[in-house]
Amino acid sequence: MRKYILFDHDGVLVDTEFWYFKAGERALADIGVALDKDQYLRDMNQGLGTWVQARAAGIDEQTIGKQREARDAYYQEYLRTESIEIEGVVEALAELSKHVRMAIVTTAKRVDFDTIHEKRHIRQFMDFVLVREDYQLAKPHPEPYLTGLKRFGAAKEETLVVEDSSRGLNSAVAAGIDCAIVFNEFAKTQDFSKASYRIDALIELKDIILDVA
């Protein structure tokens, strides 16, 4: 039986990844650059992001810095105005909390995480949250999940990571932790061949942690 679950955040507990892309797309459109979604997803899987395409289009670093601030502002706007709920998440966490201890390991910045959870009920189930400022190297590097293990004082064998992206999956695998991939429309075409489990909804984790055949 598993004793600990380390959750990714965006795309797993809240449906935000599309809006992060839209914020970057809007910021680049402001300076006449089109953000290609397929290339964006490939870049994100490597721990890169929006600005790879900006640099390829010849945009200078000063302008990129300005548009990064614009992207962040647009994202905050979307977080406050768009629906980002994933049906059944709170109910699943309430059930899982009867059996395991849980935490969040996210690449989200603290300001974005705090905005998302101002009026939501997810944090109450978590022992702790690690945001981007809490570790040095981002996913797909193993450091985020190794930091989570250390914080719990947990063994790899008694822990499960829950992710929705190949970048996060690779981080978990590199840390030596089994990973369950939950379906996310935005990331559905990514390579999840290294995943230990594939699920459609978080409530399915109950059978995994209890080793139900």
N, C-alpha and C. Protein backbone atom coordinates (compact mmCIF):
# COMPACT_ATOMS: atom_id res chain seq x y z
N MET A 1 0.83 -1.20 0.00
CA MET A 1 0.00 0.00 0.00
C MET A 1 0.87 1.26 0.00
N ARG A 2 0.49 2.21 -0.80
CA ARG A 2 1.19 3.50 -0.80
C ARG A 2 0.78 4.31 0.42
N LYS A 3 1.72 5.12 0.89
CA LYS A 3 1.45 5.96 2.06
C LYS A 3 1.43 7.45 1.71
N TYR A 4 2.01 7.79 0.52
CA TYR A 4 2.15 9.19 0.15
C TYR A 4 1.82 9.39 -1.33
N ILE A 5 1.19 10.51 -1.63
CA ILE A 5 0.98 10.91 -3.02
C ILE A 5 1.52 12.32 -3.22
N LEU A 6 2.34 12.48 -4.25
CA LEU A 6 2.83 13.79 -4.66
C LEU A 6 2.12 14.18 -5.95
N PHE A 7 1.29 15.19 -5.87
CA PHE A 7 0.50 15.64 -7.02
C PHE A 7 1.20 16.76 -7.77
N ASP A 8 1.25 16.63 -9.09
CA ASP A 8 1.43 17.80 -9.92
C ASP A 8 0.19 18.67 -9.71
N HIS A 9 0.20 19.86 -10.23
CA HIS A 9 -0.88 20.79 -9.96
C HIS A 9 -1.67 21.15 -11.22
N ASP A 10 -1.03 21.89 -12.13
CA ASP A 10 -1.70 22.37 -13.33
C ASP A 10 -2.00 21.19 -14.27
N GLY A 11 -3.27 21.03 -14.59
CA GLY A 11 -3.70 19.93 -15.44
C GLY A 11 -4.10 18.69 -14.67
N VAL A 12 -3.76 18.65 -13.37
CA VAL A 12 -4.10 17.51 -12.52
C VAL A 12 -5.17 17.89 -11.50
N LEU A 13 -4.94 19.00 -10.81
CA LEU A 13 -5.89 19.45 -9.78
C LEU A 13 -6.74 20.62 -10.25
N VAL A 14 -6.21 21.40 -11.18
CA VAL A 14 -6.95 22.51 -11.80
C VAL A 14 -6.62 22.56 -13.29
N ASP A 15 -7.57 23.02 -14.07
CA ASP A 15 -7.44 22.99 -15.53
C ASP A 15 -6.91 24.33 -16.03
N THR A 16 -5.59 24.53 -15.87
CA THR A 16 -4.99 25.84 -16.14
C THR A 16 -4.03 25.86 -17.33
N GLU A 17 -3.60 24.71 -17.81
CA GLU A 17 -2.52 24.69 -18.80
C GLU A 17 -2.92 25.39 -20.10
N PHE A 18 -4.18 25.23 -20.51
CA PHE A 18 -4.65 25.90 -21.72
C PHE A 18 -4.55 27.42 -21.56
N TRP A 19 -4.89 27.91 -20.38
CA TRP A 19 -4.89 29.36 -20.15
C TRP A 19 -3.48 29.92 -20.04
N TYR A 20 -2.54 29.11 -19.58
CA TYR A 20 -1.14 29.55 -19.57
C TYR A 20 -0.64 29.70 -21.01
N PHE A 21 -1.01 28.73 -21.85
CA PHE A 21 -0.68 28.84 -23.28
C PHE A 21 -1.33 30.07 -23.89
N LYS A 22 -2.60 30.30 -23.60
CA LYS A 22 -3.31 31.45 -24.19
C LYS A 22 -2.68 32.77 -23.74
N ALA A 23 -2.20 32.82 -22.50
CA ALA A 23 -1.55 34.04 -22.02
C ALA A 23 -0.26 34.31 -22.79
N GLY A 24 0.51 33.25 -23.03
CA GLY A 24 1.73 33.40 -23.82
C GLY A 24 1.43 33.75 -25.26
N GLU A 25 0.41 33.13 -25.81
CA GLU A 25 0.00 33.42 -27.19
C GLU A 25 -0.40 34.89 -27.33
N ARG A 26 -1.12 35.38 -26.35
CA ARG A 26 -1.57 36.78 -26.38
C ARG A 26 -0.39 37.75 -26.24
N ALA A 27 0.56 37.39 -25.38
CA ALA A 27 1.73 38.25 -25.18
C ALA A 27 2.59 38.32 -26.44
N LEU A 28 2.73 37.22 -27.15
CA LEU A 28 3.50 37.23 -28.38
C LEU A 28 2.74 37.93 -29.51
N ALA A 29 1.43 37.75 -29.54
CA ALA A 29 0.64 38.44 -30.56
C ALA A 29 0.77 39.95 -30.44
N ASP A 30 0.98 40.43 -29.22
CA ASP A 30 1.16 41.87 -28.99
C ASP A 30 2.35 42.42 -29.78
N ILE A 31 3.34 41.57 -30.05
CA ILE A 31 4.54 42.01 -30.78
C ILE A 31 4.64 41.35 -32.15
N GLY A 32 3.52 40.83 -32.61
CA GLY A 32 3.45 40.32 -33.98
C GLY A 32 4.02 38.94 -34.20
N VAL A 33 4.13 38.13 -33.14
CA VAL A 33 4.66 36.78 -33.27
C VAL A 33 3.54 35.78 -32.96
N ALA A 34 3.35 34.80 -33.84
CA ALA A 34 2.34 33.77 -33.63
C ALA A 34 2.97 32.61 -32.85
N LEU A 35 2.32 32.17 -31.80
CA LEU A 35 2.81 31.07 -30.98
C LEU A 35 2.21 29.77 -31.49
N ASP A 36 3.06 28.90 -32.05
CA ASP A 36 2.61 27.62 -32.57
C ASP A 36 2.40 26.64 -31.42
N LYS A 37 1.17 26.13 -31.30
CA LYS A 37 0.82 25.29 -30.15
C LYS A 37 1.62 24.00 -30.11
N ASP A 38 1.76 23.33 -31.25
CA ASP A 38 2.48 22.05 -31.28
C ASP A 38 3.94 22.23 -30.87
N GLN A 39 4.57 23.29 -31.38
CA GLN A 39 5.96 23.57 -31.00
C GLN A 39 6.05 23.95 -29.54
N TYR A 40 5.07 24.71 -29.05
CA TYR A 40 5.01 25.10 -27.64
C TYR A 40 4.99 23.86 -26.75
N LEU A 41 4.16 22.88 -27.11
CA LEU A 41 4.06 21.67 -26.31
C LEU A 41 5.36 20.88 -26.33
N ARG A 42 6.01 20.82 -27.49
CA ARG A 42 7.30 20.13 -27.57
C ARG A 42 8.34 20.84 -26.70
N ASP A 43 8.35 22.16 -26.76
CA ASP A 43 9.31 22.92 -25.95
C ASP A 43 9.04 22.75 -24.46
N MET A 44 7.77 22.78 -24.07
CA MET A 44 7.42 22.63 -22.66
C MET A 44 7.85 21.27 -22.13
N ASN A 45 7.76 20.25 -22.95
CA ASN A 45 8.17 18.91 -22.52
C ASN A 45 9.65 18.83 -22.21
N GLN A 46 10.42 19.76 -22.75
CA GLN A 46 11.86 19.79 -22.51
C GLN A 46 12.22 20.80 -21.41
N GLY A 47 11.22 21.31 -20.73
CA GLY A 47 11.48 22.29 -19.68
C GLY A 47 11.68 23.69 -20.22
N LEU A 48 11.33 23.90 -21.49
CA LEU A 48 11.43 25.23 -22.11
C LEU A 48 10.05 25.86 -22.13
N GLY A 49 9.85 26.90 -22.94
CA GLY A 49 8.53 27.52 -22.93
C GLY A 49 8.29 28.48 -24.06
N THR A 50 7.46 29.46 -23.79
CA THR A 50 6.96 30.41 -24.78
C THR A 50 8.06 31.14 -25.53
N TRP A 51 9.14 31.47 -24.85
CA TRP A 51 10.09 32.44 -25.39
C TRP A 51 11.08 31.86 -26.37
N VAL A 52 11.11 30.53 -26.50
CA VAL A 52 11.93 29.89 -27.52
C VAL A 52 11.50 30.39 -28.90
N GLN A 53 10.20 30.42 -29.12
CA GLN A 53 9.69 30.86 -30.42
C GLN A 53 9.90 32.36 -30.63
N ALA A 54 9.85 33.13 -29.56
CA ALA A 54 10.11 34.57 -29.67
C ALA A 54 11.55 34.82 -30.11
N ARG A 55 12.48 34.09 -29.47
CA ARG A 55 13.89 34.26 -29.85
C ARG A 55 14.15 33.80 -31.28
N ALA A 56 13.49 32.72 -31.68
CA ALA A 56 13.65 32.22 -33.04
C ALA A 56 13.14 33.24 -34.07
N ALA A 57 12.19 34.06 -33.64
CA ALA A 57 11.64 35.09 -34.52
C ALA A 57 12.47 36.38 -34.49
N GLY A 58 13.58 36.35 -33.70
CA GLY A 58 14.48 37.50 -33.67
C GLY A 58 14.13 38.57 -32.65
N ILE A 59 13.28 38.22 -31.69
CA ILE A 59 12.90 39.19 -30.67
C ILE A 59 14.02 39.33 -29.63
N ASP A 60 14.37 40.57 -29.29
CA ASP A 60 15.47 40.81 -28.37
C ASP A 60 15.05 40.55 -26.92
N GLU A 61 16.04 40.38 -26.06
CA GLU A 61 15.79 39.98 -24.67
C GLU A 61 15.04 41.05 -23.88
N GLN A 62 15.28 42.31 -24.18
CA GLN A 62 14.56 43.37 -23.47
C GLN A 62 13.06 43.30 -23.76
N THR A 63 12.73 43.08 -25.02
CA THR A 63 11.32 42.96 -25.39
C THR A 63 10.70 41.70 -24.80
N ILE A 64 11.48 40.61 -24.81
CA ILE A 64 10.98 39.37 -24.20
C ILE A 64 10.69 39.58 -22.72
N GLY A 65 11.57 40.30 -22.03
CA GLY A 65 11.34 40.58 -20.61
C GLY A 65 10.05 41.35 -20.39
N LYS A 66 9.79 42.32 -21.26
CA LYS A 66 8.56 43.11 -21.16
C LYS A 66 7.33 42.25 -21.42
N GLN A 67 7.41 41.38 -22.44
CA GLN A 67 6.27 40.54 -22.78
C GLN A 67 6.07 39.40 -21.79
N ARG A 68 7.15 39.01 -21.11
CA ARG A 68 7.01 38.03 -20.05
C ARG A 68 6.12 38.60 -18.93
N GLU A 69 6.34 39.86 -18.61
CA GLU A 69 5.50 40.52 -17.61
C GLU A 69 4.06 40.61 -18.09
N ALA A 70 3.88 40.88 -19.39
CA ALA A 70 2.53 40.94 -19.96
C ALA A 70 1.87 39.56 -19.88
N ARG A 71 2.63 38.51 -20.23
CA ARG A 71 2.10 37.14 -20.15
C ARG A 71 1.63 36.82 -18.74
N ASP A 72 2.45 37.16 -17.76
CA ASP A 72 2.09 36.88 -16.37
C ASP A 72 0.82 37.62 -15.97
N ALA A 73 0.66 38.85 -16.43
CA ALA A 73 -0.54 39.63 -16.13
C ALA A 73 -1.76 39.02 -16.81
N TYR A 74 -1.60 38.61 -18.05
CA TYR A 74 -2.72 37.98 -18.76
C TYR A 74 -3.13 36.68 -18.07
N TYR A 75 -2.13 35.91 -17.63
CA TYR A 75 -2.42 34.64 -16.95
C TYR A 75 -3.19 34.88 -15.66
N GLN A 76 -2.75 35.86 -14.89
CA GLN A 76 -3.47 36.21 -13.67
C GLN A 76 -4.92 36.60 -13.98
N GLU A 77 -5.10 37.32 -15.05
CA GLU A 77 -6.46 37.70 -15.47
C GLU A 77 -7.30 36.47 -15.76
N TYR A 78 -6.73 35.53 -16.50
CA TYR A 78 -7.47 34.30 -16.83
C TYR A 78 -7.78 33.49 -15.57
N LEU A 79 -6.82 33.41 -14.65
CA LEU A 79 -7.04 32.65 -13.42
C LEU A 79 -8.20 33.20 -12.61
N ARG A 80 -8.40 34.50 -12.71
CA ARG A 80 -9.47 35.13 -11.93
C ARG A 80 -10.83 35.11 -12.65
N THR A 81 -10.81 34.92 -13.97
CA THR A 81 -12.06 35.09 -14.73
C THR A 81 -12.54 33.83 -15.45
N GLU A 82 -11.67 32.86 -15.68
CA GLU A 82 -12.06 31.68 -16.44
C GLU A 82 -12.33 30.50 -15.50
N SER A 83 -13.12 29.56 -15.98
CA SER A 83 -13.41 28.35 -15.22
C SER A 83 -12.23 27.39 -15.33
N ILE A 84 -11.66 27.02 -14.21
CA ILE A 84 -10.50 26.12 -14.23
C ILE A 84 -10.72 24.89 -13.33
N GLU A 85 -11.96 24.66 -12.96
CA GLU A 85 -12.26 23.52 -12.10
C GLU A 85 -12.16 22.21 -12.89
N ILE A 86 -11.75 21.15 -12.22
CA ILE A 86 -11.81 19.80 -12.76
C ILE A 86 -12.81 19.04 -11.91
N GLU A 87 -13.84 18.55 -12.55
CA GLU A 87 -14.93 17.90 -11.83
C GLU A 87 -14.44 16.71 -11.02
N GLY A 88 -14.87 16.64 -9.78
CA GLY A 88 -14.59 15.49 -8.93
C GLY A 88 -13.29 15.55 -8.16
N VAL A 89 -12.47 16.59 -8.36
CA VAL A 89 -11.16 16.65 -7.71
C VAL A 89 -11.28 16.73 -6.19
N VAL A 90 -12.07 17.66 -5.69
CA VAL A 90 -12.19 17.84 -4.24
C VAL A 90 -12.74 16.59 -3.58
N GLU A 91 -13.74 15.99 -4.20
CA GLU A 91 -14.33 14.76 -3.65
C GLU A 91 -13.31 13.63 -3.62
N ALA A 92 -12.52 13.52 -4.69
CA ALA A 92 -11.50 12.47 -4.73
C ALA A 92 -10.44 12.69 -3.66
N LEU A 93 -10.00 13.94 -3.48
CA LEU A 93 -8.99 14.24 -2.47
C LEU A 93 -9.52 13.93 -1.06
N ALA A 94 -10.77 14.23 -0.83
CA ALA A 94 -11.37 13.94 0.47
C ALA A 94 -11.34 12.45 0.76
N GLU A 95 -11.62 11.64 -0.24
CA GLU A 95 -11.60 10.18 -0.06
C GLU A 95 -10.17 9.68 0.10
N LEU A 96 -9.27 10.15 -0.74
CA LEU A 96 -7.88 9.70 -0.67
C LEU A 96 -7.22 10.08 0.65
N SER A 97 -7.63 11.20 1.22
CA SER A 97 -7.02 11.67 2.47
C SER A 97 -7.28 10.72 3.64
N LYS A 98 -8.23 9.81 3.48
CA LYS A 98 -8.49 8.81 4.51
C LYS A 98 -7.42 7.72 4.53
N HIS A 99 -6.63 7.65 3.45
CA HIS A 99 -5.72 6.52 3.28
C HIS A 99 -4.25 6.92 3.15
N VAL A 100 -3.98 8.13 2.66
CA VAL A 100 -2.60 8.54 2.41
C VAL A 100 -2.39 10.00 2.81
N ARG A 101 -1.12 10.36 2.96
CA ARG A 101 -0.76 11.76 3.11
C ARG A 101 -0.42 12.31 1.73
N MET A 102 -0.74 13.57 1.49
CA MET A 102 -0.64 14.12 0.15
C MET A 102 0.05 15.48 0.17
N ALA A 103 0.68 15.81 -0.96
CA ALA A 103 1.32 17.11 -1.12
C ALA A 103 1.30 17.47 -2.61
N ILE A 104 1.59 18.74 -2.89
CA ILE A 104 1.64 19.23 -4.26
C ILE A 104 3.06 19.63 -4.59
N VAL A 105 3.53 19.20 -5.76
CA VAL A 105 4.84 19.60 -6.28
C VAL A 105 4.61 20.20 -7.65
N THR A 106 4.70 21.52 -7.75
CA THR A 106 4.29 22.21 -8.96
C THR A 106 5.37 23.14 -9.48
N THR A 107 5.34 23.37 -10.80
CA THR A 107 6.21 24.37 -11.40
C THR A 107 5.54 25.74 -11.42
N ALA A 108 4.33 25.83 -10.88
CA ALA A 108 3.64 27.12 -10.80
C ALA A 108 4.39 28.07 -9.87
N LYS A 109 4.37 29.35 -10.22
CA LYS A 109 4.93 30.36 -9.33
C LYS A 109 4.00 30.55 -8.14
N ARG A 110 4.57 30.99 -7.04
CA ARG A 110 3.78 31.15 -5.82
C ARG A 110 2.62 32.12 -6.01
N VAL A 111 2.85 33.22 -6.73
CA VAL A 111 1.80 34.21 -6.92
C VAL A 111 0.63 33.61 -7.68
N ASP A 112 0.92 32.77 -8.70
CA ASP A 112 -0.16 32.14 -9.47
C ASP A 112 -0.87 31.09 -8.63
N PHE A 113 -0.10 30.30 -7.89
CA PHE A 113 -0.70 29.27 -7.04
C PHE A 113 -1.64 29.90 -6.01
N ASP A 114 -1.19 30.97 -5.39
CA ASP A 114 -2.02 31.63 -4.37
C ASP A 114 -3.29 32.21 -4.97
N THR A 115 -3.18 32.76 -6.19
CA THR A 115 -4.38 33.28 -6.86
C THR A 115 -5.38 32.17 -7.12
N ILE A 116 -4.89 31.05 -7.62
CA ILE A 116 -5.76 29.92 -7.93
C ILE A 116 -6.51 29.44 -6.69
N HIS A 117 -5.84 29.44 -5.54
CA HIS A 117 -6.42 28.81 -4.36
C HIS A 117 -7.01 29.79 -3.35
N GLU A 118 -7.22 31.02 -3.77
CA GLU A 118 -7.86 31.99 -2.87
C GLU A 118 -9.23 31.51 -2.40
N LYS A 119 -9.98 30.88 -3.31
CA LYS A 119 -11.36 30.49 -2.99
C LYS A 119 -11.63 29.02 -3.28
N ARG A 120 -10.58 28.21 -3.27
CA ARG A 120 -10.76 26.78 -3.53
C ARG A 120 -10.42 25.97 -2.28
N HIS A 121 -10.74 24.68 -2.34
CA HIS A 121 -10.68 23.85 -1.14
C HIS A 121 -9.75 22.65 -1.31
N ILE A 122 -8.67 22.86 -2.05
CA ILE A 122 -7.73 21.77 -2.32
C ILE A 122 -6.61 21.72 -1.29
N ARG A 123 -6.11 22.88 -0.87
CA ARG A 123 -4.95 22.91 0.02
C ARG A 123 -5.21 22.25 1.36
N GLN A 124 -6.48 22.21 1.78
CA GLN A 124 -6.79 21.62 3.09
C GLN A 124 -6.40 20.15 3.20
N PHE A 125 -6.27 19.48 2.05
CA PHE A 125 -5.93 18.06 2.06
C PHE A 125 -4.43 17.81 1.97
N MET A 126 -3.64 18.85 1.83
CA MET A 126 -2.22 18.70 1.56
C MET A 126 -1.36 18.98 2.80
N ASP A 127 -0.35 18.15 3.01
CA ASP A 127 0.61 18.39 4.08
C ASP A 127 1.46 19.61 3.79
N PHE A 128 1.82 19.78 2.51
CA PHE A 128 2.63 20.93 2.11
C PHE A 128 2.50 21.13 0.61
N VAL A 129 2.99 22.28 0.16
CA VAL A 129 3.02 22.61 -1.26
C VAL A 129 4.42 23.09 -1.61
N LEU A 130 5.00 22.54 -2.68
CA LEU A 130 6.26 23.04 -3.22
C LEU A 130 5.96 23.74 -4.54
N VAL A 131 6.25 25.05 -4.60
CA VAL A 131 6.08 25.82 -5.83
C VAL A 131 7.45 26.05 -6.47
N ARG A 132 7.46 26.74 -7.60
CA ARG A 132 8.70 26.87 -8.38
C ARG A 132 9.83 27.50 -7.58
N GLU A 133 9.50 28.38 -6.66
CA GLU A 133 10.53 29.04 -5.87
C GLU A 133 11.16 28.14 -4.80
N ASP A 134 10.61 26.95 -4.61
CA ASP A 134 11.05 26.08 -3.52
C ASP A 134 12.14 25.08 -3.92
N TYR A 135 12.56 25.09 -5.18
CA TYR A 135 13.64 24.21 -5.62
C TYR A 135 14.37 24.89 -6.77
N GLN A 136 15.56 24.41 -7.07
CA GLN A 136 16.41 25.08 -8.05
C GLN A 136 16.13 24.65 -9.49
N LEU A 137 16.06 23.34 -9.72
CA LEU A 137 15.93 22.81 -11.08
C LEU A 137 14.52 22.30 -11.32
N ALA A 138 13.90 22.75 -12.41
CA ALA A 138 12.50 22.42 -12.69
C ALA A 138 12.37 21.06 -13.36
N LYS A 139 11.17 20.51 -13.37
CA LYS A 139 10.87 19.32 -14.15
C LYS A 139 11.26 19.58 -15.62
N PRO A 140 11.84 18.60 -16.31
CA PRO A 140 11.91 17.16 -16.04
C PRO A 140 13.07 16.71 -15.14
N HIS A 141 13.81 17.63 -14.54
CA HIS A 141 14.84 17.24 -13.57
C HIS A 141 14.16 16.59 -12.37
N PRO A 142 14.79 15.62 -11.72
CA PRO A 142 14.17 14.94 -10.59
C PRO A 142 14.10 15.76 -9.30
N GLU A 143 14.81 16.89 -9.23
CA GLU A 143 14.88 17.62 -7.97
C GLU A 143 13.53 17.94 -7.34
N PRO A 144 12.52 18.39 -8.10
CA PRO A 144 11.24 18.72 -7.44
C PRO A 144 10.65 17.55 -6.66
N TYR A 145 10.64 16.37 -7.27
CA TYR A 145 10.04 15.23 -6.58
C TYR A 145 10.96 14.66 -5.50
N LEU A 146 12.26 14.73 -5.69
CA LEU A 146 13.17 14.33 -4.63
C LEU A 146 13.02 15.24 -3.41
N THR A 147 12.77 16.53 -3.68
CA THR A 147 12.52 17.47 -2.58
C THR A 147 11.25 17.11 -1.84
N GLY A 148 10.22 16.69 -2.60
CA GLY A 148 8.97 16.26 -1.97
C GLY A 148 9.17 15.03 -1.09
N LEU A 149 9.93 14.07 -1.60
CA LEU A 149 10.22 12.87 -0.80
C LEU A 149 10.92 13.24 0.50
N LYS A 150 11.91 14.09 0.40
CA LYS A 150 12.67 14.49 1.58
C LYS A 150 11.78 15.21 2.58
N ARG A 151 10.91 16.05 2.10
CA ARG A 151 10.00 16.79 2.98
C ARG A 151 9.09 15.84 3.76
N PHE A 152 8.61 14.80 3.08
CA PHE A 152 7.77 13.80 3.75
C PHE A 152 8.59 12.86 4.63
N GLY A 153 9.86 12.67 4.28
CA GLY A 153 10.64 11.62 4.92
C GLY A 153 10.19 10.26 4.41
N ALA A 154 9.79 10.22 3.14
CA ALA A 154 9.17 9.03 2.56
C ALA A 154 10.15 8.24 1.72
N ALA A 155 9.92 6.93 1.63
CA ALA A 155 10.66 6.08 0.70
C ALA A 155 10.01 6.15 -0.67
N LYS A 156 10.82 5.98 -1.71
CA LYS A 156 10.29 6.01 -3.07
C LYS A 156 9.22 4.95 -3.28
N GLU A 157 9.43 3.78 -2.68
CA GLU A 157 8.54 2.64 -2.90
C GLU A 157 7.16 2.84 -2.29
N GLU A 158 7.04 3.74 -1.31
CA GLU A 158 5.74 3.95 -0.67
C GLU A 158 5.07 5.23 -1.16
N THR A 159 5.59 5.78 -2.27
CA THR A 159 5.10 7.05 -2.79
C THR A 159 4.64 6.89 -4.23
N LEU A 160 3.63 7.67 -4.59
CA LEU A 160 3.13 7.71 -5.97
C LEU A 160 3.07 9.16 -6.42
N VAL A 161 3.55 9.42 -7.62
CA VAL A 161 3.42 10.74 -8.25
C VAL A 161 2.22 10.71 -9.19
N VAL A 162 1.49 11.81 -9.25
CA VAL A 162 0.37 11.94 -10.18
C VAL A 162 0.65 13.11 -11.09
N GLU A 163 0.71 12.85 -12.39
CA GLU A 163 1.09 13.85 -13.38
C GLU A 163 0.14 13.81 -14.57
N ASP A 164 0.27 14.82 -15.43
CA ASP A 164 -0.50 14.84 -16.68
C ASP A 164 0.38 15.10 -17.89
N SER A 165 1.67 15.34 -17.70
CA SER A 165 2.56 15.68 -18.81
C SER A 165 3.77 14.76 -18.83
N SER A 166 4.36 14.61 -20.01
CA SER A 166 5.57 13.78 -20.11
C SER A 166 6.74 14.43 -19.38
N ARG A 167 6.76 15.76 -19.33
CA ARG A 167 7.82 16.45 -18.58
C ARG A 167 7.77 16.05 -17.10
N GLY A 168 6.57 16.07 -16.53
CA GLY A 168 6.42 15.68 -15.14
C GLY A 168 6.68 14.20 -14.93
N LEU A 169 6.21 13.39 -15.87
CA LEU A 169 6.47 11.95 -15.80
C LEU A 169 7.96 11.68 -15.79
N ASN A 170 8.70 12.33 -16.65
CA ASN A 170 10.15 12.13 -16.71
C ASN A 170 10.83 12.57 -15.42
N SER A 171 10.30 13.59 -14.79
CA SER A 171 10.83 14.04 -13.50
C SER A 171 10.64 12.95 -12.44
N ALA A 172 9.44 12.37 -12.41
CA ALA A 172 9.15 11.31 -11.44
C ALA A 172 10.00 10.08 -11.70
N VAL A 173 10.11 9.68 -12.96
CA VAL A 173 10.90 8.50 -13.32
C VAL A 173 12.36 8.71 -12.94
N ALA A 174 12.88 9.90 -13.22
CA ALA A 174 14.27 10.21 -12.87
C ALA A 174 14.50 10.18 -11.36
N ALA A 175 13.43 10.48 -10.61
CA ALA A 175 13.52 10.43 -9.15
C ALA A 175 13.30 9.02 -8.61
N GLY A 176 12.95 8.08 -9.50
CA GLY A 176 12.75 6.70 -9.08
C GLY A 176 11.41 6.42 -8.45
N ILE A 177 10.40 7.24 -8.76
CA ILE A 177 9.07 7.10 -8.16
C ILE A 177 8.06 6.69 -9.23
N ASP A 178 7.21 5.72 -8.92
CA ASP A 178 6.14 5.33 -9.84
C ASP A 178 5.21 6.51 -10.09
N CYS A 179 4.70 6.58 -11.31
CA CYS A 179 3.88 7.73 -11.70
C CYS A 179 2.58 7.27 -12.36
N ALA A 180 1.49 7.85 -11.92
CA ALA A 180 0.19 7.67 -12.56
C ALA A 180 -0.10 8.90 -13.41
N ILE A 181 -0.46 8.70 -14.66
CA ILE A 181 -0.81 9.78 -15.56
C ILE A 181 -2.32 9.90 -15.63
N VAL A 182 -2.83 11.08 -15.31
CA VAL A 182 -4.26 11.34 -15.43
C VAL A 182 -4.52 12.03 -16.76
N PHE A 183 -5.60 11.66 -17.41
CA PHE A 183 -5.89 12.19 -18.73
C PHE A 183 -6.10 13.70 -18.70
N ASN A 184 -5.45 14.37 -19.64
CA ASN A 184 -5.62 15.81 -19.82
C ASN A 184 -5.66 16.06 -21.32
N GLU A 185 -6.74 16.63 -21.80
CA GLU A 185 -6.93 16.86 -23.23
C GLU A 185 -5.77 17.64 -23.83
N PHE A 186 -5.23 18.59 -23.08
CA PHE A 186 -4.18 19.46 -23.60
C PHE A 186 -2.88 18.70 -23.84
N ALA A 187 -2.66 17.61 -23.11
CA ALA A 187 -1.39 16.88 -23.20
C ALA A 187 -1.57 15.46 -23.72
N LYS A 188 -2.69 15.15 -24.30
CA LYS A 188 -3.04 13.77 -24.63
C LYS A 188 -2.11 13.11 -25.65
N THR A 189 -1.43 13.89 -26.47
CA THR A 189 -0.58 13.30 -27.52
C THR A 189 0.86 13.06 -27.05
N GLN A 190 1.17 13.35 -25.81
CA GLN A 190 2.53 13.20 -25.33
C GLN A 190 2.87 11.73 -25.06
N ASP A 191 4.16 11.45 -24.90
CA ASP A 191 4.65 10.09 -24.69
C ASP A 191 4.59 9.73 -23.20
N PHE A 192 3.70 8.80 -22.87
CA PHE A 192 3.54 8.36 -21.49
C PHE A 192 3.93 6.90 -21.31
N SER A 193 4.81 6.41 -22.17
CA SER A 193 5.17 5.00 -22.14
C SER A 193 5.87 4.58 -20.84
N LYS A 194 6.45 5.53 -20.11
CA LYS A 194 7.15 5.20 -18.87
C LYS A 194 6.23 5.23 -17.64
N ALA A 195 4.96 5.55 -17.85
CA ALA A 195 4.03 5.64 -16.72
C ALA A 195 3.71 4.27 -16.15
N SER A 196 3.57 4.18 -14.85
CA SER A 196 3.17 2.93 -14.20
C SER A 196 1.67 2.70 -14.30
N TYR A 197 0.91 3.81 -14.36
CA TYR A 197 -0.55 3.73 -14.42
C TYR A 197 -1.09 4.84 -15.31
N ARG A 198 -2.26 4.56 -15.91
CA ARG A 198 -2.99 5.57 -16.67
C ARG A 198 -4.41 5.63 -16.12
N ILE A 199 -4.88 6.81 -15.78
CA ILE A 199 -6.22 6.96 -15.21
C ILE A 199 -6.96 8.09 -15.91
N ASP A 200 -8.28 8.06 -15.79
CA ASP A 200 -9.11 9.12 -16.35
C ASP A 200 -9.55 10.13 -15.31
N ALA A 201 -9.57 9.73 -14.04
CA ALA A 201 -10.01 10.61 -12.95
C ALA A 201 -9.28 10.25 -11.67
N LEU A 202 -9.12 11.22 -10.79
CA LEU A 202 -8.32 11.01 -9.58
C LEU A 202 -8.89 9.96 -8.65
N ILE A 203 -10.20 9.77 -8.66
CA ILE A 203 -10.79 8.80 -7.75
C ILE A 203 -10.27 7.39 -8.02
N GLU A 204 -9.77 7.14 -9.24
CA GLU A 204 -9.21 5.84 -9.58
C GLU A 204 -7.92 5.55 -8.80
N LEU A 205 -7.32 6.58 -8.22
CA LEU A 205 -6.10 6.38 -7.44
C LEU A 205 -6.36 5.53 -6.20
N LYS A 206 -7.57 5.51 -5.72
CA LYS A 206 -7.88 4.75 -4.51
C LYS A 206 -7.55 3.27 -4.70
N ASP A 207 -7.93 2.72 -5.85
CA ASP A 207 -7.63 1.31 -6.11
C ASP A 207 -6.12 1.07 -6.21
N ILE A 208 -5.40 2.04 -6.76
CA ILE A 208 -3.95 1.90 -6.91
C ILE A 208 -3.27 1.88 -5.55
N ILE A 209 -3.61 2.84 -4.70
CA ILE A 209 -2.91 2.93 -3.41
C ILE A 209 -3.29 1.80 -2.46
N LEU A 210 -4.49 1.25 -2.65
CA LEU A 210 -4.90 0.13 -1.81
C LEU A 210 -4.56 -1.21 -2.43
N ASP A 211 -3.90 -1.16 -3.61
CA ASP A 211 -3.49 -2.39 -4.32
C ASP A 211 -4.67 -3.29 -4.61
N VAL A 212 -5.77 -2.67 -5.04
CA VAL A 212 -6.95 -3.46 -5.41
C VAL A 212 -6.75 -4.00 -6.82
N ALA A 213 -6.90 -5.30 -6.98
CA ALA A 213 -6.67 -5.94 -8.28
C ALA A 213 -7.79 -5.59 -9.26
